C-alpha cells in the first residue's frame, strides 16, 4: 500500500504541509490525513514563514535548502513541498 502522506515523483517527493505561522511551538505539531501541520515562529509576512519552513525541513530531513521547493501555496497556509534528495 502506498504511503498517502508522501507521493513519489521522478524528481523527488511531494509533501503536503499546513503551516502555522506565529506559533509558540516550532516543528511538527501533528500529521493527519496525509498533511503535516508544522508550527513556525515567524509571521506570514514578506516570505519569512516560508523561509523558516524551508529551513526547518532542511534541518529535519538533513538536506540542502536548495533541494526543497514550495510548488503550491506560496501565499497560503496549505502548501505542497517538493523534496529532492539528489
PDB file of N, CA and C in Angstrom:
ATOM      1  N   UNK A   1       0.841  -1.181   0.000  1.00  0.00           N
ATOM      2  CA  UNK A   1       0.000   0.000   0.000  1.00  0.00           C
ATOM      3  C   UNK A   1       0.885   1.243   0.000  1.00  0.00           C
ATOM      4  N   UNK A   2       0.558   2.193  -0.832  1.00  0.00           N
ATOM      5  CA  UNK A   2       1.355   3.407  -0.968  1.00  0.00           C
ATOM      6  C   UNK A   2       1.099   4.359   0.203  1.00  0.00           C
ATOM      7  N   UNK A   3       2.178   4.951   0.701  1.00  0.00           N
ATOM      8  CA  UNK A   3       2.102   5.911   1.785  1.00  0.00           C
ATOM      9  C   UNK A   3       1.374   7.157   1.285  1.00  0.00           C
ATOM     10  N   UNK A   4       0.285   7.558   1.944  1.00  0.00           N
ATOM     11  CA  UNK A   4      -0.527   8.676   1.471  1.00  0.00           C
ATOM     12  C   UNK A   4       0.077  10.037   1.737  1.00  0.00           C
ATOM     13  N   UNK A   5       0.957  10.137   2.738  1.00  0.00           N
ATOM     14  CA  UNK A   5       1.461  11.465   3.085  1.00  0.00           C
ATOM     15  C   UNK A   5       2.614  11.911   2.211  1.00  0.00           C
ATOM     16  N   UNK A   6       3.305  10.970   1.568  1.00  0.00           N
ATOM     17  CA  UNK A   6       4.396  11.321   0.669  1.00  0.00           C
ATOM     18  C   UNK A   6       4.154  10.630  -0.665  1.00  0.00           C
ATOM     19  N   UNK A   7       4.065  11.414  -1.723  1.00  0.00           N
ATOM     20  CA  UNK A   7       3.820  10.868  -3.049  1.00  0.00           C
ATOM     21  C   UNK A   7       5.122  10.847  -3.829  1.00  0.00           C
ATOM     22  N   UNK A   8       5.481   9.694  -4.382  1.00  0.00           N
ATOM     23  CA  UNK A   8       6.710   9.583  -5.160  1.00  0.00           C
ATOM     24  C   UNK A   8       6.583  10.324  -6.485  1.00  0.00           C
ATOM     25  N   UNK A   9       7.608  11.039  -6.844  1.00  0.00           N
ATOM     26  CA  UNK A   9       7.710  11.726  -8.129  1.00  0.00           C
ATOM     27  C   UNK A   9       9.086  11.427  -8.686  1.00  0.00           C
ATOM     28  N   UNK A  10       9.244  11.502 -10.005  1.00  0.00           N
ATOM     29  CA  UNK A  10      10.534  11.185 -10.596  1.00  0.00           C
ATOM     30  C   UNK A  10      11.614  12.149 -10.141  1.00  0.00           C
ATOM     31  N   UNK A  11      11.276  13.412  -9.893  1.00  0.00           N
ATOM     32  CA  UNK A  11      12.272  14.392  -9.486  1.00  0.00           C
ATOM     33  C   UNK A  11      12.402  14.519  -7.973  1.00  0.00           C
ATOM     34  N   UNK A  12      11.577  13.826  -7.225  1.00  0.00           N
ATOM     35  CA  UNK A  12      11.639  13.907  -5.770  1.00  0.00           C
ATOM     36  C   UNK A  12      10.356  13.407  -5.154  1.00  0.00           C
ATOM     37  N   UNK A  13      10.049  13.906  -3.978  1.00  0.00           N
ATOM     38  CA  UNK A  13       8.844  13.515  -3.262  1.00  0.00           C
ATOM     39  C   UNK A  13       8.033  14.756  -2.926  1.00  0.00           C
ATOM     40  N   UNK A  14       6.711  14.589  -2.965  1.00  0.00           N
ATOM     41  CA  UNK A  14       5.801  15.677  -2.641  1.00  0.00           C
ATOM     42  C   UNK A  14       5.301  15.479  -1.219  1.00  0.00           C
ATOM     43  N   UNK A  15       5.362  16.545  -0.427  1.00  0.00           N
ATOM     44  CA  UNK A  15       4.880  16.514   0.945  1.00  0.00           C
ATOM     45  C   UNK A  15       3.846  17.623   1.104  1.00  0.00           C
ATOM     46  N   UNK A  16       2.704  17.296   1.662  1.00  0.00           N
ATOM     47  CA  UNK A  16       1.668  18.297   1.924  1.00  0.00           C
ATOM     48  C   UNK A  16       1.843  18.818   3.344  1.00  0.00           C
ATOM     49  N   UNK A  17       1.787  20.152   3.478  1.00  0.00           N
ATOM     50  CA  UNK A  17       2.045  20.821   4.760  1.00  0.00           C
ATOM     51  C   UNK A  17       0.973  21.868   5.022  1.00  0.00           C
ATOM     52  N   UNK A  18       0.540  21.947   6.270  1.00  0.00           N
ATOM     53  CA  UNK A  18      -0.259  23.091   6.726  1.00  0.00           C
ATOM     54  C   UNK A  18       0.647  23.878   7.662  1.00  0.00           C
ATOM     55  N   UNK A  19       1.040  25.061   7.231  1.00  0.00           N
ATOM     56  CA  UNK A  19       1.929  25.925   8.015  1.00  0.00           C
ATOM     57  C   UNK A  19       1.107  26.685   9.055  1.00  0.00           C
ATOM     58  N   UNK A  20       1.674  26.807  10.250  1.00  0.00           N
ATOM     59  CA  UNK A  20       1.037  27.557  11.333  1.00  0.00           C
ATOM     60  C   UNK A  20       2.009  28.654  11.757  1.00  0.00           C
ATOM     61  N   UNK A  21       1.940  29.834  11.092  1.00  0.00           N
ATOM     62  CA  UNK A  21       2.843  30.930  11.449  1.00  0.00           C
ATOM     63  C   UNK A  21       2.494  31.507  12.815  1.00  0.00           C
ATOM     64  N   UNK A  22       3.446  32.229  13.414  1.00  0.00           N
ATOM     65  CA  UNK A  22       3.276  32.844  14.739  1.00  0.00           C
ATOM     66  C   UNK A  22       2.953  31.809  15.819  1.00  0.00           C
ATOM     67  N   UNK A  23       3.446  30.603  15.647  1.00  0.00           N
ATOM     68  CA  UNK A  23       3.182  29.530  16.600  1.00  0.00           C
ATOM     69  C   UNK A  23       4.167  29.595  17.768  1.00  0.00           C
ATOM     70  N   UNK A  24       3.690  29.229  18.946  1.00  0.00           N
ATOM     71  CA  UNK A  24       4.596  29.176  20.098  1.00  0.00           C
ATOM     72  C   UNK A  24       5.471  27.921  20.033  1.00  0.00           C
ATOM     73  N   UNK A  25       5.021  26.901  19.298  1.00  0.00           N
ATOM     74  CA  UNK A  25       5.794  25.673  19.137  1.00  0.00           C
ATOM     75  C   UNK A  25       6.323  25.586  17.714  1.00  0.00           C
ATOM     76  N   UNK A  26       7.637  25.464  17.571  1.00  0.00           N
ATOM     77  CA  UNK A  26       8.243  25.313  16.255  1.00  0.00           C
ATOM     78  C   UNK A  26       8.483  23.830  15.995  1.00  0.00           C
ATOM     79  N   UNK A  27       8.010  23.362  14.858  1.00  0.00           N
ATOM     80  CA  UNK A  27       8.227  21.971  14.493  1.00  0.00           C
ATOM     81  C   UNK A  27       6.942  21.286  14.099  1.00  0.00           C
ATOM     82  N   UNK A  28       7.016  19.974  13.936  1.00  0.00           N
ATOM     83  CA  UNK A  28       5.852  19.195  13.530  1.00  0.00           C
ATOM     84  C   UNK A  28       4.901  19.096  14.718  1.00  0.00           C
ATOM     85  N   UNK A  29       3.697  19.592  14.527  1.00  0.00           N
ATOM     86  CA  UNK A  29       2.673  19.580  15.566  1.00  0.00           C
ATOM     87  C   UNK A  29       1.866  18.286  15.480  1.00  0.00           C
ATOM     88  N   UNK A  30       1.497  17.916  14.242  1.00  0.00           N
ATOM     89  CA  UNK A  30       0.720  16.702  14.040  1.00  0.00           C
ATOM     90  C   UNK A  30       0.804  16.280  12.581  1.00  0.00           C
ATOM     91  N   UNK A  31       0.277  15.094  12.326  1.00  0.00           N
ATOM     92  CA  UNK A  31       0.167  14.570  10.964  1.00  0.00           C
ATOM     93  C   UNK A  31      -1.180  13.891  10.881  1.00  0.00           C
ATOM     94  N   UNK A  32      -2.020  14.395   9.973  1.00  0.00           N
ATOM     95  CA  UNK A  32      -3.369  13.851   9.845  1.00  0.00           C
ATOM     96  C   UNK A  32      -3.810  13.922   8.391  1.00  0.00           C
ATOM     97  N   UNK A  33      -4.347  12.829   7.899  1.00  0.00           N
ATOM     98  CA  UNK A  33      -4.876  12.810   6.541  1.00  0.00           C
ATOM     99  C   UNK A  33      -3.828  13.099   5.485  1.00  0.00           C
ATOM    100  N   UNK A  34      -2.593  12.705   5.743  1.00  0.00           N
ATOM    101  CA  UNK A  34      -1.534  12.921   4.760  1.00  0.00           C
ATOM    102  C   UNK A  34      -0.953  14.325   4.759  1.00  0.00           C
ATOM    103  N   UNK A  35      -1.313  15.146   5.750  1.00  0.00           N
ATOM    104  CA  UNK A  35      -0.828  16.524   5.827  1.00  0.00           C
ATOM    105  C   UNK A  35      -0.066  16.713   7.138  1.00  0.00           C
ATOM    106  N   UNK A  36       1.149  17.270   7.026  1.00  0.00           N
ATOM    107  CA  UNK A  36       1.939  17.602   8.210  1.00  0.00           C
ATOM    108  C   UNK A  36       1.588  19.016   8.654  1.00  0.00           C
ATOM    109  N   UNK A  37       1.221  19.179   9.900  1.00  0.00           N
ATOM    110  CA  UNK A  37       0.968  20.501  10.466  1.00  0.00           C
ATOM    111  C   UNK A  37       2.263  20.929  11.143  1.00  0.00           C
ATOM    112  N   UNK A  38       2.850  22.039  10.664  1.00  0.00           N
ATOM    113  CA  UNK A  38       4.154  22.481  11.145  1.00  0.00           C
ATOM    114  C   UNK A  38       4.044  23.898  11.713  1.00  0.00           C
ATOM    115  N   UNK A  39       4.427  24.027  12.969  1.00  0.00           N
ATOM    116  CA  UNK A  39       4.423  25.321  13.629  1.00  0.00           C
ATOM    117  C   UNK A  39       5.685  26.104  13.293  1.00  0.00           C
ATOM    118  N   UNK A  40       5.504  27.388  13.043  1.00  0.00           N
ATOM    119  CA  UNK A  40       6.604  28.298  12.693  1.00  0.00           C
ATOM    120  C   UNK A  40       6.517  29.537  13.578  1.00  0.00           C
ATOM    121  N   UNK A  41       7.644  30.020  14.049  1.00  0.00           N
ATOM    122  CA  UNK A  41       7.666  31.209  14.895  1.00  0.00           C
ATOM    123  C   UNK A  41       7.477  32.499  14.099  1.00  0.00           C
ATOM    124  N   UNK A  42       7.865  32.506  12.844  1.00  0.00           N
ATOM    125  CA  UNK A  42       7.837  33.713  12.011  1.00  0.00           C
ATOM    126  C   UNK A  42       6.415  34.080  11.592  1.00  0.00           C
ATOM    127  N   UNK A  43       6.189  35.380  11.360  1.00  0.00           N
ATOM    128  CA  UNK A  43       4.891  35.810  10.837  1.00  0.00           C
ATOM    129  C   UNK A  43       4.802  35.542   9.335  1.00  0.00           C
ATOM    130  N   UNK A  44       3.583  35.464   8.817  1.00  0.00           N
ATOM    131  CA  UNK A  44       3.421  35.215   7.381  1.00  0.00           C
ATOM    132  C   UNK A  44       3.562  36.498   6.558  1.00  0.00           C
ATOM    133  N   UNK A  45       4.624  37.224   6.762  1.00  0.00           N
ATOM    134  CA  UNK A  45       4.849  38.487   6.066  1.00  0.00           C
ATOM    135  C   UNK A  45       6.176  38.445   5.340  1.00  0.00           C
ATOM    136  N   UNK A  46       6.178  38.952   4.134  1.00  0.00           N
ATOM    137  CA  UNK A  46       7.395  39.076   3.324  1.00  0.00           C
ATOM    138  C   UNK A  46       8.140  37.751   3.166  1.00  0.00           C
ATOM    139  N   UNK A  47       7.407  36.642   3.188  1.00  0.00           N
ATOM    140  CA  UNK A  47       8.018  35.340   2.958  1.00  0.00           C
ATOM    141  C   UNK A  47       8.804  34.766   4.123  1.00  0.00           C
ATOM    142  N   UNK A  48       8.726  35.410   5.281  1.00  0.00           N
ATOM    143  CA  UNK A  48       9.529  34.936   6.426  1.00  0.00           C
ATOM    144  C   UNK A  48       9.108  33.552   6.899  1.00  0.00           C
ATOM    145  N   UNK A  49       7.801  33.280   6.945  1.00  0.00           N
ATOM    146  CA  UNK A  49       7.331  31.958   7.377  1.00  0.00           C
ATOM    147  C   UNK A  49       7.740  30.889   6.358  1.00  0.00           C
ATOM    148  N   UNK A  50       7.682  31.211   5.072  1.00  0.00           N
ATOM    149  CA  UNK A  50       8.115  30.258   4.043  1.00  0.00           C
ATOM    150  C   UNK A  50       9.603  29.947   4.172  1.00  0.00           C
ATOM    151  N   UNK A  51      10.396  30.962   4.419  1.00  0.00           N
ATOM    152  CA  UNK A  51      11.837  30.754   4.610  1.00  0.00           C
ATOM    153  C   UNK A  51      12.103  29.877   5.835  1.00  0.00           C
ATOM    154  N   UNK A  52      11.371  30.137   6.922  1.00  0.00           N
ATOM    155  CA  UNK A  52      11.549  29.332   8.123  1.00  0.00           C
ATOM    156  C   UNK A  52      11.107  27.879   7.888  1.00  0.00           C
ATOM    157  N   UNK A  53      10.028  27.699   7.124  1.00  0.00           N
ATOM    158  CA  UNK A  53       9.561  26.351   6.802  1.00  0.00           C
ATOM    159  C   UNK A  53      10.618  25.576   6.019  1.00  0.00           C
ATOM    160  N   UNK A  54      11.199  26.202   5.010  1.00  0.00           N
ATOM    161  CA  UNK A  54      12.239  25.543   4.214  1.00  0.00           C
ATOM    162  C   UNK A  54      13.455  25.237   5.086  1.00  0.00           C
ATOM    163  N   UNK A  55      13.838  26.173   5.945  1.00  0.00           N
ATOM    164  CA  UNK A  55      14.973  25.943   6.841  1.00  0.00           C
ATOM    165  C   UNK A  55      14.683  24.789   7.807  1.00  0.00           C
ATOM    166  N   UNK A  56      13.468  24.742   8.365  1.00  0.00           N
ATOM    167  CA  UNK A  56      13.102  23.660   9.273  1.00  0.00           C
ATOM    168  C   UNK A  56      13.153  22.309   8.560  1.00  0.00           C
ATOM    169  N   UNK A  57      12.538  22.226   7.373  1.00  0.00           N
ATOM    170  CA  UNK A  57      12.527  20.956   6.645  1.00  0.00           C
ATOM    171  C   UNK A  57      13.942  20.533   6.260  1.00  0.00           C
ATOM    172  N   UNK A  58      14.771  21.498   5.896  1.00  0.00           N
ATOM    173  CA  UNK A  58      16.160  21.203   5.555  1.00  0.00           C
ATOM    174  C   UNK A  58      16.887  20.567   6.737  1.00  0.00           C
ATOM    175  N   UNK A  59      16.740  21.147   7.909  1.00  0.00           N
ATOM    176  CA  UNK A  59      17.367  20.608   9.120  1.00  0.00           C
ATOM    177  C   UNK A  59      16.767  19.252   9.490  1.00  0.00           C
ATOM    178  N   UNK A  60      15.451  19.151   9.444  1.00  0.00           N
ATOM    179  CA  UNK A  60      14.747  17.929   9.849  1.00  0.00           C
ATOM    180  C   UNK A  60      15.089  16.748   8.932  1.00  0.00           C
ATOM    181  N   UNK A  61      15.159  17.022   7.624  1.00  0.00           N
ATOM    182  CA  UNK A  61      15.441  15.964   6.653  1.00  0.00           C
ATOM    183  C   UNK A  61      16.928  15.806   6.357  1.00  0.00           C
ATOM    184  N   UNK A  62      17.743  16.719   6.897  1.00  0.00           N
ATOM    185  CA  UNK A  62      19.189  16.707   6.693  1.00  0.00           C
ATOM    186  C   UNK A  62      19.565  16.792   5.201  1.00  0.00           C
ATOM    187  N   UNK A  63      18.946  17.761   4.525  1.00  0.00           N
ATOM    188  CA  UNK A  63      19.254  18.021   3.118  1.00  0.00           C
ATOM    189  C   UNK A  63      19.434  19.527   2.931  1.00  0.00           C
ATOM    190  N   UNK A  64      19.982  19.902   1.791  1.00  0.00           N
ATOM    191  CA  UNK A  64      20.203  21.326   1.494  1.00  0.00           C
ATOM    192  C   UNK A  64      18.875  22.045   1.269  1.00  0.00           C
ATOM    193  N   UNK A  65      18.857  23.314   1.643  1.00  0.00           N
ATOM    194  CA  UNK A  65      17.656  24.131   1.420  1.00  0.00           C
ATOM    195  C   UNK A  65      17.327  24.243  -0.065  1.00  0.00           C
ATOM    196  N   UNK A  66      18.347  24.208  -0.921  1.00  0.00           N
ATOM    197  CA  UNK A  66      18.115  24.319  -2.360  1.00  0.00           C
ATOM    198  C   UNK A  66      17.392  23.099  -2.921  1.00  0.00           C
ATOM    199  N   UNK A  67      17.309  22.012  -2.150  1.00  0.00           N
ATOM    200  CA  UNK A  67      16.607  20.804  -2.594  1.00  0.00           C
ATOM    201  C   UNK A  67      15.147  20.789  -2.151  1.00  0.00           C
ATOM    202  N   UNK A  68      14.681  21.885  -1.582  1.00  0.00           N
ATOM    203  CA  UNK A  68      13.299  21.992  -1.108  1.00  0.00           C
ATOM    204  C   UNK A  68      12.639  23.168  -1.815  1.00  0.00           C
ATOM    205  N   UNK A  69      11.469  22.906  -2.405  1.00  0.00           N
ATOM    206  CA  UNK A  69      10.739  23.959  -3.122  1.00  0.00           C
ATOM    207  C   UNK A  69       9.273  23.936  -2.745  1.00  0.00           C
ATOM    208  N   UNK A  70       8.714  25.111  -2.539  1.00  0.00           N
ATOM    209  CA  UNK A  70       7.263  25.225  -2.360  1.00  0.00           C
ATOM    210  C   UNK A  70       6.683  25.338  -3.755  1.00  0.00           C
ATOM    211  N   UNK A  71       5.966  24.308  -4.187  1.00  0.00           N
ATOM    212  CA  UNK A  71       5.452  24.327  -5.560  1.00  0.00           C
ATOM    213  C   UNK A  71       3.987  24.728  -5.639  1.00  0.00           C
ATOM    214  N   UNK A  72       3.308  24.743  -4.493  1.00  0.00           N
ATOM    215  CA  UNK A  72       1.913  25.176  -4.457  1.00  0.00           C
ATOM    216  C   UNK A  72       1.632  25.776  -3.093  1.00  0.00           C
ATOM    217  N   UNK A  73       0.965  26.914  -3.063  1.00  0.00           N
ATOM    218  CA  UNK A  73       0.564  27.520  -1.797  1.00  0.00           C
ATOM    219  C   UNK A  73       1.547  28.509  -1.218  1.00  0.00           C
ATOM    220  N   UNK A  74       2.310  29.182  -2.064  1.00  0.00           N
ATOM    221  CA  UNK A  74       3.311  30.133  -1.586  1.00  0.00           C
ATOM    222  C   UNK A  74       2.674  31.225  -0.705  1.00  0.00           C
ATOM    223  N   UNK A  75       1.427  31.596  -0.994  1.00  0.00           N
ATOM    224  CA  UNK A  75       0.720  32.621  -0.213  1.00  0.00           C
ATOM    225  C   UNK A  75      -0.403  32.042   0.635  1.00  0.00           C
ATOM    226  N   UNK A  76      -0.329  30.750   0.901  1.00  0.00           N
ATOM    227  CA  UNK A  76      -1.365  30.058   1.647  1.00  0.00           C
ATOM    228  C   UNK A  76      -0.734  29.265   2.784  1.00  0.00           C
ATOM    229  N   UNK A  77      -1.546  28.891   3.757  1.00  0.00           N
ATOM    230  CA  UNK A  77      -1.047  28.029   4.830  1.00  0.00           C
ATOM    231  C   UNK A  77      -0.956  26.578   4.360  1.00  0.00           C
ATOM    232  N   UNK A  78      -1.786  26.214   3.389  1.00  0.00           N
ATOM    233  CA  UNK A  78      -1.768  24.870   2.812  1.00  0.00           C
ATOM    234  C   UNK A  78      -0.776  24.853   1.662  1.00  0.00           C
ATOM    235  N   UNK A  79       0.260  24.025   1.790  1.00  0.00           N
ATOM    236  CA  UNK A  79       1.368  24.037   0.829  1.00  0.00           C
ATOM    237  C   UNK A  79       1.666  22.631   0.324  1.00  0.00           C
ATOM    238  N   UNK A  80       2.187  22.565  -0.875  1.00  0.00           N
ATOM    239  CA  UNK A  80       2.747  21.331  -1.420  1.00  0.00           C
ATOM    240  C   UNK A  80       4.228  21.593  -1.610  1.00  0.00           C
ATOM    241  N   UNK A  81       5.040  20.736  -1.000  1.00  0.00           N
ATOM    242  CA  UNK A  81       6.502  20.900  -0.996  1.00  0.00           C
ATOM    243  C   UNK A  81       7.124  19.792  -1.831  1.00  0.00           C
ATOM    244  N   UNK A  82       8.059  20.155  -2.701  1.00  0.00           N
ATOM    245  CA  UNK A  82       8.836  19.181  -3.452  1.00  0.00           C
ATOM    246  C   UNK A  82      10.182  19.038  -2.762  1.00  0.00           C
ATOM    247  N   UNK A  83      10.527  17.793  -2.403  1.00  0.00           N
ATOM    248  CA  UNK A  83      11.789  17.492  -1.745  1.00  0.00           C
ATOM    249  C   UNK A  83      12.608  16.618  -2.684  1.00  0.00           C
ATOM    250  N   UNK A  84      13.796  17.119  -3.040  1.00  0.00           N
ATOM    251  CA  UNK A  84      14.721  16.361  -3.904  1.00  0.00           C
ATOM    252  C   UNK A  84      15.880  15.888  -3.044  1.00  0.00           C
ATOM    253  N   UNK A  85      16.189  14.603  -3.129  1.00  0.00           N
ATOM    254  CA  UNK A  85      17.264  14.044  -2.312  1.00  0.00           C
ATOM    255  C   UNK A  85      18.578  13.950  -3.061  1.00  0.00           C
ATOM    256  N   UNK A  86      18.649  14.374  -4.289  1.00  0.00           N
ATOM    257  CA  UNK A  86      19.898  14.302  -5.073  1.00  0.00           C
ATOM    258  C   UNK A  86      20.546  15.638  -5.159  1.00  0.00           C
TER     259      UNK A  86
END
